[in-house]
Protein backbone atom coordinates (compact mmCIF):
# COMPACT_ATOMS: atom_id res chain seq x y z
CA MET A 1 8.55 49.35 -45.43
CA THR A 2 5.16 48.50 -43.80
CA TYR A 3 3.96 44.93 -43.67
CA VAL A 4 -0.30 43.41 -43.17
CA ILE A 5 0.26 39.74 -42.76
CA ASP A 6 -3.04 36.84 -41.38
CA ARG A 7 -5.83 39.87 -41.52
CA TYR A 8 -8.29 37.50 -41.25
CA PRO A 9 -8.64 34.43 -39.04
CA CYS A 10 -7.54 30.72 -39.84
CA GLU A 11 -9.22 27.89 -38.38
CA GLU A 12 -7.05 26.21 -36.70
CA SER A 13 -5.36 29.32 -34.89
CA PRO A 14 -7.48 31.82 -32.38
CA ARG A 15 -5.34 34.08 -34.08
CA LEU A 16 -7.66 37.66 -35.15
CA GLY A 17 -4.01 39.18 -37.18
CA ALA A 18 -1.03 40.02 -37.46
CA MET A 19 1.63 42.91 -38.57
CA ILE A 20 4.90 42.96 -39.39
CA LEU A 21 6.59 46.27 -39.21
CA ASP A 22 9.83 48.66 -39.73
CA PRO A 23 11.46 49.82 -36.76
CA THR A 24 10.76 53.56 -37.07
CA PRO A 25 8.80 55.78 -35.07
CA GLU A 26 6.29 56.46 -38.43
CA SER A 27 5.34 52.16 -37.11
CA VAL A 28 3.51 53.30 -34.26
CA PRO A 29 0.38 55.58 -35.51
CA ARG A 30 0.39 53.22 -38.42
CA ALA A 31 0.69 49.80 -35.30
CA ARG A 32 -2.48 52.13 -33.71
CA ARG A 33 -4.60 52.38 -36.75
CA TRP A 34 -4.10 49.28 -38.52
CA PHE A 35 -5.28 47.61 -35.18
CA ARG A 36 -8.00 49.79 -35.26
CA LYS A 37 -8.84 48.85 -39.13
CA PHE A 38 -8.36 44.69 -38.25
CA ILE A 39 -9.99 44.59 -34.84
CA ALA A 40 -13.26 45.55 -35.87
CA PRO A 41 -14.41 43.83 -37.66
CA TYR A 42 -15.12 41.75 -34.37
CA ASN A 43 -16.53 44.21 -33.03
CA PRO A 44 -14.64 43.73 -29.33
CA ALA A 45 -16.78 44.53 -25.44
CA CYS A 46 -13.68 46.21 -24.40
CA SER A 47 -11.81 49.43 -25.35
CA VAL A 48 -10.30 49.96 -28.70
CA ASP A 49 -8.51 52.58 -27.52
CA ASP A 50 -6.72 51.35 -24.44
CA CYS A 51 -5.59 48.25 -26.24
CA THR A 52 -3.78 50.50 -28.90
CA LEU A 53 -2.64 52.84 -26.43
CA MET A 54 -1.30 49.88 -25.65
CA ILE A 55 0.21 49.10 -28.66
CA SER A 56 1.12 51.76 -28.88
CA GLU A 57 3.84 52.25 -25.73
CA LEU A 58 4.83 48.63 -26.68
CA VAL A 59 5.64 49.40 -30.47
CA THR A 60 6.88 52.67 -29.16
CA ASN A 61 9.71 50.62 -26.52
CA ALA A 62 10.10 47.51 -29.19
CA ILE A 63 11.69 50.22 -31.62
CA LEU A 64 13.59 51.99 -28.49
CA TYR A 65 15.04 48.54 -27.14
CA GLY A 66 14.67 46.24 -30.39
CA ARG A 67 18.61 44.80 -30.95
CA SER A 68 20.04 43.06 -33.09
CA GLU A 69 22.69 42.07 -35.84
CA GLY A 70 20.46 42.71 -39.19
CA GLU A 71 18.06 44.54 -40.20
CA TRP A 72 14.61 43.26 -37.94
CA ARG A 73 11.50 44.17 -37.73
CA VAL A 74 8.57 44.64 -34.98
CA ARG A 75 5.93 42.22 -35.07
CA VAL A 76 2.16 42.69 -33.22
CA GLU A 77 -0.31 40.15 -33.15
CA TRP A 78 -3.51 39.51 -31.25
CA PHE A 79 -5.54 36.54 -29.97
CA ARG A 80 -8.68 35.26 -29.63
CA ASP A 81 -8.38 33.36 -26.53
CA ALA A 82 -12.32 32.79 -24.62
CA THR A 83 -13.32 35.90 -24.27
CA SER A 84 -10.00 37.82 -23.68
CA LEU A 85 -7.98 39.59 -26.33
CA ARG A 86 -4.79 38.84 -26.89
CA VAL A 87 -1.42 41.41 -27.68
CA GLU A 88 1.88 40.25 -28.01
CA VAL A 89 4.09 42.78 -29.50
CA HIS A 90 7.74 40.77 -30.66
CA ASN A 91 10.90 42.10 -31.30
CA PRO A 92 14.78 41.18 -31.14
CA GLY A 93 15.56 42.35 -28.13
CA PHE A 94 16.02 40.87 -24.30
CA PRO A 95 13.16 39.08 -22.34
CA ALA A 96 15.45 40.05 -19.27
CA SER A 97 15.73 43.80 -19.84
CA VAL A 98 11.53 44.33 -19.68
CA ARG A 99 10.33 45.70 -16.89
CA LEU A 100 8.73 47.21 -14.85
CA ARG A 101 9.87 51.11 -13.52
CA ARG A 102 8.14 53.80 -11.17
CA PRO A 103 9.38 57.00 -13.21
CA ASP A 104 8.97 59.87 -10.45
CA ALA A 105 7.30 63.17 -12.10
CA GLU A 106 9.63 65.09 -13.21
CA ASP A 107 11.34 62.05 -16.03
CA ALA A 108 10.59 61.83 -19.20
CA HIS A 109 10.45 57.84 -19.88
CA GLY A 110 9.25 54.77 -18.21
CA ARG A 111 5.75 54.89 -18.60
CA GLY A 112 4.51 52.76 -21.25
CA LEU A 113 4.32 49.75 -19.37
CA LEU A 114 3.51 51.59 -15.44
CA LEU A 115 0.54 52.08 -18.88
CA VAL A 116 -0.17 48.34 -19.81
CA ASP A 117 -0.30 47.26 -16.56
CA SER A 118 -2.39 49.64 -15.17
CA ILE A 119 -5.01 48.97 -18.02
CA ALA A 120 -5.01 45.54 -19.02
CA GLU A 121 -6.11 42.27 -17.09
CA SER A 122 -2.37 41.53 -17.06
CA TRP A 123 0.20 40.91 -19.14
CA HIS A 124 3.95 38.97 -19.29
CA SER A 125 7.31 39.45 -21.43
CA GLY A 126 9.49 36.62 -21.88
CA PRO A 127 10.98 35.27 -24.57
CA SER A 128 9.70 35.29 -28.05
CA ARG A 129 9.22 31.63 -30.40
CA PHE A 130 10.71 34.22 -32.64
CA GLY A 131 13.70 35.01 -31.21
CA GLY A 132 14.33 38.39 -28.51
CA THR A 133 11.40 39.09 -26.94
CA VAL A 134 7.04 39.27 -26.94
CA VAL A 135 5.14 41.37 -24.68
CA ALA A 136 2.47 40.82 -24.51
CA PHE A 137 -0.87 42.25 -22.58
CA VAL A 138 -4.57 40.86 -22.22
CA MET A 139 -8.32 42.28 -21.99
CA ALA A 140 -11.00 39.67 -20.26
CA ASP A 141 -14.33 40.43 -21.02
CA ALA A 142 -14.12 41.11 -24.92
CA TRP A 143 -16.93 39.00 -25.80
CA PRO A 144 -19.77 37.31 -24.64
CA LEU A 145 -19.21 34.08 -23.71
């Protein structure tokens, strides 16, 4: 089962939306669809296609590398920070295991963070406030001043 939460901003938070996804392959296209739907009313100037590509990569990584003893979910949140859009993907994996790879041409995997690194203004990973790991990217100039 997949859950969507917080489709509308609250007054005291810059969060524009969030979703909680099952750690299954079906959640990757669902995350893309829901992000498109829920970011549309905010009319960002940055490329929504680029954002959905990066979300797809990060949710895929979260599903592949998230680890937990019990049942767990992938959490995606997006925020407006002044003129920038910040997207965070949380999972119960280990922050130290997130690293940018430079795969060989014949490698079938390992390009997700490389894509994020080449498209986003910036990105980072570290401990999640929910426990586990967060990987986030920022798209600059998503809204005018």
